[in-house]
């Protein structure tokens, strides 16, 4: 038994059939979810995860630019 992180309703899924990264949706609120952990089963909003990944990609770009500037300085 796992609960939707958005509306707290119970989502009826076969937990052993899910792997990390699998998409789900909540029948009650319609939220797009993603499996972020399997032991125990943990779900997160796919929208929030996408935002976090974009932020991480943005941060990585900054690090690469800083490294390039450091190399140019030497």
PDB file of N, CA and C in Angstrom:
ATOM      1  N   UNK A   1       0.850  -1.181   0.000  1.00  0.00           N
ATOM      2  CA  UNK A   1       0.000   0.000   0.000  1.00  0.00           C
ATOM      3  C   UNK A   1       0.892   1.238   0.000  1.00  0.00           C
ATOM      4  N   UNK A   2       0.622   2.114  -0.944  1.00  0.00           N
ATOM      5  CA  UNK A   2       1.384   3.357  -1.037  1.00  0.00           C
ATOM      6  C   UNK A   2       0.395   4.511  -1.207  1.00  0.00           C
ATOM      7  N   UNK A   3       0.771   5.667  -0.664  1.00  0.00           N
ATOM      8  CA  UNK A   3      -0.108   6.836  -0.735  1.00  0.00           C
ATOM      9  C   UNK A   3       0.449   7.845  -1.726  1.00  0.00           C
ATOM     10  N   UNK A   4      -0.462   8.548  -2.375  1.00  0.00           N
ATOM     11  CA  UNK A   4      -0.106   9.623  -3.289  1.00  0.00           C
ATOM     12  C   UNK A   4       0.546  10.753  -2.481  1.00  0.00           C
ATOM     13  N   UNK A   5       1.711  11.228  -2.902  1.00  0.00           N
ATOM     14  CA  UNK A   5       2.349  12.320  -2.160  1.00  0.00           C
ATOM     15  C   UNK A   5       1.627  13.656  -2.323  1.00  0.00           C
ATOM     16  N   UNK A   6       0.707  13.731  -3.277  1.00  0.00           N
ATOM     17  CA  UNK A   6      -0.038  14.968  -3.506  1.00  0.00           C
ATOM     18  C   UNK A   6      -1.315  15.042  -2.678  1.00  0.00           C
ATOM     19  N   UNK A   7      -2.134  13.960  -2.726  1.00  0.00           N
ATOM     20  CA  UNK A   7      -3.448  14.019  -2.070  1.00  0.00           C
ATOM     21  C   UNK A   7      -3.610  12.996  -0.941  1.00  0.00           C
ATOM     22  N   UNK A   8      -2.590  12.170  -0.709  1.00  0.00           N
ATOM     23  CA  UNK A   8      -2.587  11.180   0.371  1.00  0.00           C
ATOM     24  C   UNK A   8      -3.569  10.029   0.177  1.00  0.00           C
ATOM     25  N   UNK A   9      -4.186   9.897  -1.011  1.00  0.00           N
ATOM     26  CA  UNK A   9      -5.076   8.757  -1.227  1.00  0.00           C
ATOM     27  C   UNK A   9      -4.242   7.508  -1.515  1.00  0.00           C
ATOM     28  N   UNK A  10      -4.826   6.366  -1.199  1.00  0.00           N
ATOM     29  CA  UNK A  10      -4.128   5.088  -1.393  1.00  0.00           C
ATOM     30  C   UNK A  10      -4.139   4.740  -2.878  1.00  0.00           C
ATOM     31  N   UNK A  11      -2.975   4.376  -3.401  1.00  0.00           N
ATOM     32  CA  UNK A  11      -2.849   3.957  -4.793  1.00  0.00           C
ATOM     33  C   UNK A  11      -2.701   2.447  -4.796  1.00  0.00           C
ATOM     34  N   UNK A  12      -3.575   1.787  -5.520  1.00  0.00           N
ATOM     35  CA  UNK A  12      -3.585   0.329  -5.577  1.00  0.00           C
ATOM     36  C   UNK A  12      -2.661  -0.142  -6.699  1.00  0.00           C
ATOM     37  N   UNK A  13      -1.465  -0.586  -6.338  1.00  0.00           N
ATOM     38  CA  UNK A  13      -0.484  -1.080  -7.310  1.00  0.00           C
ATOM     39  C   UNK A  13       0.166  -2.344  -6.767  1.00  0.00           C
ATOM     40  N   UNK A  14       0.678  -3.149  -7.662  1.00  0.00           N
ATOM     41  CA  UNK A  14       1.488  -4.305  -7.285  1.00  0.00           C
ATOM     42  C   UNK A  14       2.907  -3.800  -7.060  1.00  0.00           C
ATOM     43  N   UNK A  15       3.265  -3.591  -5.804  1.00  0.00           N
ATOM     44  CA  UNK A  15       4.533  -2.971  -5.468  1.00  0.00           C
ATOM     45  C   UNK A  15       5.732  -3.747  -6.005  1.00  0.00           C
ATOM     46  N   UNK A  16       5.645  -5.074  -6.033  1.00  0.00           N
ATOM     47  CA  UNK A  16       6.779  -5.872  -6.493  1.00  0.00           C
ATOM     48  C   UNK A  16       6.991  -5.780  -8.005  1.00  0.00           C
ATOM     49  N   UNK A  17       6.008  -5.232  -8.735  1.00  0.00           N
ATOM     50  CA  UNK A  17       6.128  -5.081 -10.187  1.00  0.00           C
ATOM     51  C   UNK A  17       6.743  -3.743 -10.590  1.00  0.00           C
ATOM     52  N   UNK A  18       7.013  -2.877  -9.616  1.00  0.00           N
ATOM     53  CA  UNK A  18       7.513  -1.542  -9.915  1.00  0.00           C
ATOM     54  C   UNK A  18       9.014  -1.448  -9.702  1.00  0.00           C
ATOM     55  N   UNK A  19       9.644  -0.658 -10.555  1.00  0.00           N
ATOM     56  CA  UNK A  19      11.070  -0.376 -10.446  1.00  0.00           C
ATOM     57  C   UNK A  19      11.263   1.127 -10.306  1.00  0.00           C
ATOM     58  N   UNK A  20      12.422   1.519  -9.788  1.00  0.00           N
ATOM     59  CA  UNK A  20      12.733   2.926  -9.642  1.00  0.00           C
ATOM     60  C   UNK A  20      12.665   3.607 -11.014  1.00  0.00           C
ATOM     61  N   UNK A  21      11.985   4.748 -11.052  1.00  0.00           N
ATOM     62  CA  UNK A  21      11.835   5.509 -12.288  1.00  0.00           C
ATOM     63  C   UNK A  21      10.538   5.245 -13.026  1.00  0.00           C
ATOM     64  N   UNK A  22       9.807   4.197 -12.630  1.00  0.00           N
ATOM     65  CA  UNK A  22       8.538   3.892 -13.301  1.00  0.00           C
ATOM     66  C   UNK A  22       7.519   5.005 -13.058  1.00  0.00           C
ATOM     67  N   UNK A  23       6.761   5.363 -14.101  1.00  0.00           N
ATOM     68  CA  UNK A  23       5.722   6.384 -13.935  1.00  0.00           C
ATOM     69  C   UNK A  23       4.416   5.781 -13.435  1.00  0.00           C
ATOM     70  N   UNK A  24       3.673   6.556 -12.689  1.00  0.00           N
ATOM     71  CA  UNK A  24       2.341   6.198 -12.201  1.00  0.00           C
ATOM     72  C   UNK A  24       1.488   7.454 -12.240  1.00  0.00           C
ATOM     73  N   UNK A  25       0.189   7.266 -12.119  1.00  0.00           N
ATOM     74  CA  UNK A  25      -0.678   8.422 -11.920  1.00  0.00           C
ATOM     75  C   UNK A  25      -1.690   8.077 -10.836  1.00  0.00           C
ATOM     76  N   UNK A  26      -2.084   9.092 -10.116  1.00  0.00           N
ATOM     77  CA  UNK A  26      -3.056   8.926  -9.039  1.00  0.00           C
ATOM     78  C   UNK A  26      -4.455   8.970  -9.622  1.00  0.00           C
ATOM     79  N   UNK A  27      -5.255   7.949  -9.324  1.00  0.00           N
ATOM     80  CA  UNK A  27      -6.631   7.905  -9.815  1.00  0.00           C
ATOM     81  C   UNK A  27      -7.496   8.990  -9.182  1.00  0.00           C
ATOM     82  N   UNK A  28      -7.161   9.414  -7.967  1.00  0.00           N
ATOM     83  CA  UNK A  28      -7.970  10.414  -7.258  1.00  0.00           C
ATOM     84  C   UNK A  28      -7.715  11.834  -7.751  1.00  0.00           C
ATOM     85  N   UNK A  29      -6.441  12.248  -7.756  1.00  0.00           N
ATOM     86  CA  UNK A  29      -6.141  13.647  -8.097  1.00  0.00           C
ATOM     87  C   UNK A  29      -5.526  13.812  -9.477  1.00  0.00           C
ATOM     88  N   UNK A  30      -5.146  12.700 -10.111  1.00  0.00           N
ATOM     89  CA  UNK A  30      -4.579  12.763 -11.454  1.00  0.00           C
ATOM     90  C   UNK A  30      -3.113  13.156 -11.510  1.00  0.00           C
ATOM     91  N   UNK A  31      -2.445  13.230 -10.353  1.00  0.00           N
ATOM     92  CA  UNK A  31      -1.039  13.629 -10.328  1.00  0.00           C
ATOM     93  C   UNK A  31      -0.172  12.617 -11.071  1.00  0.00           C
ATOM     94  N   UNK A  32       0.789  13.139 -11.832  1.00  0.00           N
ATOM     95  CA  UNK A  32       1.794  12.294 -12.463  1.00  0.00           C
ATOM     96  C   UNK A  32       2.880  12.042 -11.435  1.00  0.00           C
ATOM     97  N   UNK A  33       3.148  10.758 -11.186  1.00  0.00           N
ATOM     98  CA  UNK A  33       4.088  10.371 -10.149  1.00  0.00           C
ATOM     99  C   UNK A  33       5.184   9.509 -10.743  1.00  0.00           C
ATOM    100  N   UNK A  34       6.263   9.361  -9.993  1.00  0.00           N
ATOM    101  CA  UNK A  34       7.345   8.489 -10.391  1.00  0.00           C
ATOM    102  C   UNK A  34       7.860   7.741  -9.164  1.00  0.00           C
ATOM    103  N   UNK A  35       8.229   6.483  -9.360  1.00  0.00           N
ATOM    104  CA  UNK A  35       8.792   5.680  -8.281  1.00  0.00           C
ATOM    105  C   UNK A  35      10.216   6.168  -8.029  1.00  0.00           C
ATOM    106  N   UNK A  36      10.497   6.589  -6.792  1.00  0.00           N
ATOM    107  CA  UNK A  36      11.837   7.059  -6.439  1.00  0.00           C
ATOM    108  C   UNK A  36      12.555   6.097  -5.501  1.00  0.00           C
ATOM    109  N   UNK A  37      11.840   5.094  -5.015  1.00  0.00           N
ATOM    110  CA  UNK A  37      12.443   4.087  -4.151  1.00  0.00           C
ATOM    111  C   UNK A  37      11.572   2.857  -4.117  1.00  0.00           C
ATOM    112  N   UNK A  38      12.206   1.701  -3.957  1.00  0.00           N
ATOM    113  CA  UNK A  38      11.436   0.458  -3.981  1.00  0.00           C
ATOM    114  C   UNK A  38      11.479  -0.311  -2.681  1.00  0.00           C
ATOM    115  N   UNK A  39      12.237   0.090  -1.742  1.00  0.00           N
ATOM    116  CA  UNK A  39      12.290  -0.661  -0.493  1.00  0.00           C
ATOM    117  C   UNK A  39      12.395   0.259   0.696  1.00  0.00           C
ATOM    118  N   UNK A  40      11.322   0.768   1.211  1.00  0.00           N
ATOM    119  CA  UNK A  40       9.920   0.598   0.831  1.00  0.00           C
ATOM    120  C   UNK A  40       9.583   1.448  -0.392  1.00  0.00           C
ATOM    121  N   UNK A  41       8.447   1.151  -1.005  1.00  0.00           N
ATOM    122  CA  UNK A  41       8.007   1.880  -2.184  1.00  0.00           C
ATOM    123  C   UNK A  41       7.783   3.344  -1.831  1.00  0.00           C
ATOM    124  N   UNK A  42       8.381   4.215  -2.618  1.00  0.00           N
ATOM    125  CA  UNK A  42       8.276   5.653  -2.377  1.00  0.00           C
ATOM    126  C   UNK A  42       7.997   6.352  -3.701  1.00  0.00           C
ATOM    127  N   UNK A  43       7.016   7.244  -3.691  1.00  0.00           N
ATOM    128  CA  UNK A  43       6.625   7.980  -4.880  1.00  0.00           C
ATOM    129  C   UNK A  43       6.900   9.460  -4.698  1.00  0.00           C
ATOM    130  N   UNK A  44       7.112  10.139  -5.821  1.00  0.00           N
ATOM    131  CA  UNK A  44       7.267  11.586  -5.811  1.00  0.00           C
ATOM    132  C   UNK A  44       6.579  12.148  -7.040  1.00  0.00           C
ATOM    133  N   UNK A  45       6.241  13.415  -6.970  1.00  0.00           N
ATOM    134  CA  UNK A  45       5.618  14.087  -8.102  1.00  0.00           C
ATOM    135  C   UNK A  45       6.599  14.140  -9.263  1.00  0.00           C
ATOM    136  N   UNK A  46       6.169  13.693 -10.432  1.00  0.00           N
ATOM    137  CA  UNK A  46       7.030  13.713 -11.615  1.00  0.00           C
ATOM    138  C   UNK A  46       7.389  15.151 -11.980  1.00  0.00           C
ATOM    139  N   UNK A  47       6.464  16.083 -11.772  1.00  0.00           N
ATOM    140  CA  UNK A  47       6.734  17.488 -12.079  1.00  0.00           C
ATOM    141  C   UNK A  47       7.859  18.030 -11.213  1.00  0.00           C
ATOM    142  N   UNK A  48       7.824  17.718  -9.921  1.00  0.00           N
ATOM    143  CA  UNK A  48       8.882  18.185  -9.022  1.00  0.00           C
ATOM    144  C   UNK A  48      10.217  17.562  -9.390  1.00  0.00           C
ATOM    145  N   UNK A  49      10.204  16.272  -9.738  1.00  0.00           N
ATOM    146  CA  UNK A  49      11.438  15.604 -10.127  1.00  0.00           C
ATOM    147  C   UNK A  49      12.009  16.211 -11.394  1.00  0.00           C
ATOM    148  N   UNK A  50      11.151  16.529 -12.359  1.00  0.00           N
ATOM    149  CA  UNK A  50      11.611  17.155 -13.594  1.00  0.00           C
ATOM    150  C   UNK A  50      12.230  18.513 -13.308  1.00  0.00           C
ATOM    151  N   UNK A  51      11.613  19.282 -12.395  1.00  0.00           N
ATOM    152  CA  UNK A  51      12.159  20.582 -12.017  1.00  0.00           C
ATOM    153  C   UNK A  51      13.519  20.420 -11.359  1.00  0.00           C
ATOM    154  N   UNK A  52      13.652  19.432 -10.479  1.00  0.00           N
ATOM    155  CA  UNK A  52      14.925  19.178  -9.800  1.00  0.00           C
ATOM    156  C   UNK A  52      15.993  18.781 -10.799  1.00  0.00           C
ATOM    157  N   UNK A  53      15.635  17.957 -11.795  1.00  0.00           N
ATOM    158  CA  UNK A  53      16.609  17.538 -12.805  1.00  0.00           C
ATOM    159  C   UNK A  53      17.054  18.723 -13.647  1.00  0.00           C
ATOM    160  N   UNK A  54      16.115  19.620 -13.993  1.00  0.00           N
ATOM    161  CA  UNK A  54      16.485  20.810 -14.747  1.00  0.00           C
ATOM    162  C   UNK A  54      17.420  21.684 -13.935  1.00  0.00           C
ATOM    163  N   UNK A  55      17.143  21.828 -12.642  1.00  0.00           N
ATOM    164  CA  UNK A  55      18.018  22.614 -11.773  1.00  0.00           C
ATOM    165  C   UNK A  55      19.397  21.982 -11.695  1.00  0.00           C
ATOM    166  N   UNK A  56      19.457  20.665 -11.599  1.00  0.00           N
ATOM    167  CA  UNK A  56      20.739  19.962 -11.526  1.00  0.00           C
ATOM    168  C   UNK A  56      21.501  20.133 -12.829  1.00  0.00           C
ATOM    169  N   UNK A  57      20.817  20.053 -13.967  1.00  0.00           N
ATOM    170  CA  UNK A  57      21.466  20.258 -15.254  1.00  0.00           C
ATOM    171  C   UNK A  57      22.007  21.675 -15.353  1.00  0.00           C
ATOM    172  N   UNK A  58      21.233  22.631 -14.864  1.00  0.00           N
ATOM    173  CA  UNK A  58      21.658  24.023 -14.889  1.00  0.00           C
ATOM    174  C   UNK A  58      22.900  24.207 -14.028  1.00  0.00           C
ATOM    175  N   UNK A  59      22.909  23.607 -12.851  1.00  0.00           N
ATOM    176  CA  UNK A  59      24.058  23.703 -11.958  1.00  0.00           C
ATOM    177  C   UNK A  59      25.281  23.066 -12.588  1.00  0.00           C
ATOM    178  N   UNK A  60      25.113  21.938 -13.276  1.00  0.00           N
ATOM    179  CA  UNK A  60      26.229  21.276 -13.937  1.00  0.00           C
ATOM    180  C   UNK A  60      26.820  22.167 -15.019  1.00  0.00           C
ATOM    181  N   UNK A  61      25.965  22.880 -15.753  1.00  0.00           N
ATOM    182  CA  UNK A  61      26.445  23.778 -16.787  1.00  0.00           C
ATOM    183  C   UNK A  61      27.299  24.869 -16.182  1.00  0.00           C
ATOM    184  N   UNK A  62      26.886  25.392 -15.030  1.00  0.00           N
ATOM    185  CA  UNK A  62      27.659  26.433 -14.362  1.00  0.00           C
ATOM    186  C   UNK A  62      29.033  25.913 -13.976  1.00  0.00           C
ATOM    187  N   UNK A  63      29.106  24.704 -13.460  1.00  0.00           N
ATOM    188  CA  UNK A  63      30.371  24.118 -13.047  1.00  0.00           C
ATOM    189  C   UNK A  63      31.300  23.954 -14.236  1.00  0.00           C
ATOM    190  N   UNK A  64      30.756  23.525 -15.381  1.00  0.00           N
ATOM    191  CA  UNK A  64      31.577  23.348 -16.571  1.00  0.00           C
ATOM    192  C   UNK A  64      32.126  24.692 -17.053  1.00  0.00           C
ATOM    193  N   UNK A  65      31.290  25.736 -17.000  1.00  0.00           N
ATOM    194  CA  UNK A  65      31.747  27.055 -17.409  1.00  0.00           C
ATOM    195  C   UNK A  65      32.858  27.549 -16.490  1.00  0.00           C
ATOM    196  N   UNK A  66      32.706  27.338 -15.191  1.00  0.00           N
ATOM    197  CA  UNK A  66      33.724  27.763 -14.237  1.00  0.00           C
ATOM    198  C   UNK A  66      35.030  27.023 -14.487  1.00  0.00           C
ATOM    199  N   UNK A  67      34.955  25.724 -14.772  1.00  0.00           N
ATOM    200  CA  UNK A  67      36.159  24.947 -15.049  1.00  0.00           C
ATOM    201  C   UNK A  67      36.839  25.450 -16.312  1.00  0.00           C
ATOM    202  N   UNK A  68      36.063  25.795 -17.336  1.00  0.00           N
ATOM    203  CA  UNK A  68      36.630  26.307 -18.581  1.00  0.00           C
ATOM    204  C   UNK A  68      37.310  27.646 -18.330  1.00  0.00           C
ATOM    205  N   UNK A  69      36.682  28.496 -17.519  1.00  0.00           N
ATOM    206  CA  UNK A  69      37.288  29.778 -17.197  1.00  0.00           C
ATOM    207  C   UNK A  69      38.582  29.579 -16.421  1.00  0.00           C
ATOM    208  N   UNK A  70      38.613  28.607 -15.511  1.00  0.00           N
ATOM    209  CA  UNK A  70      39.828  28.310 -14.759  1.00  0.00           C
ATOM    210  C   UNK A  70      40.938  27.861 -15.692  1.00  0.00           C
ATOM    211  N   UNK A  71      40.607  27.033 -16.674  1.00  0.00           N
ATOM    212  CA  UNK A  71      41.597  26.550 -17.635  1.00  0.00           C
ATOM    213  C   UNK A  71      42.124  27.704 -18.472  1.00  0.00           C
ATOM    214  N   UNK A  72      41.251  28.635 -18.879  1.00  0.00           N
ATOM    215  CA  UNK A  72      41.668  29.783 -19.676  1.00  0.00           C
ATOM    216  C   UNK A  72      42.601  30.679 -18.872  1.00  0.00           C
ATOM    217  N   UNK A  73      42.382  30.766 -17.582  1.00  0.00           N
ATOM    218  CA  UNK A  73      43.173  31.635 -16.714  1.00  0.00           C
ATOM    219  C   UNK A  73      44.609  31.144 -16.603  1.00  0.00           C
ATOM    220  N   UNK A  74      44.768  29.813 -16.637  1.00  0.00           N
ATOM    221  CA  UNK A  74      46.108  29.210 -16.457  1.00  0.00           C
ATOM    222  C   UNK A  74      46.897  29.443 -17.662  1.00  0.00           C
TER     223      UNK A  74
END
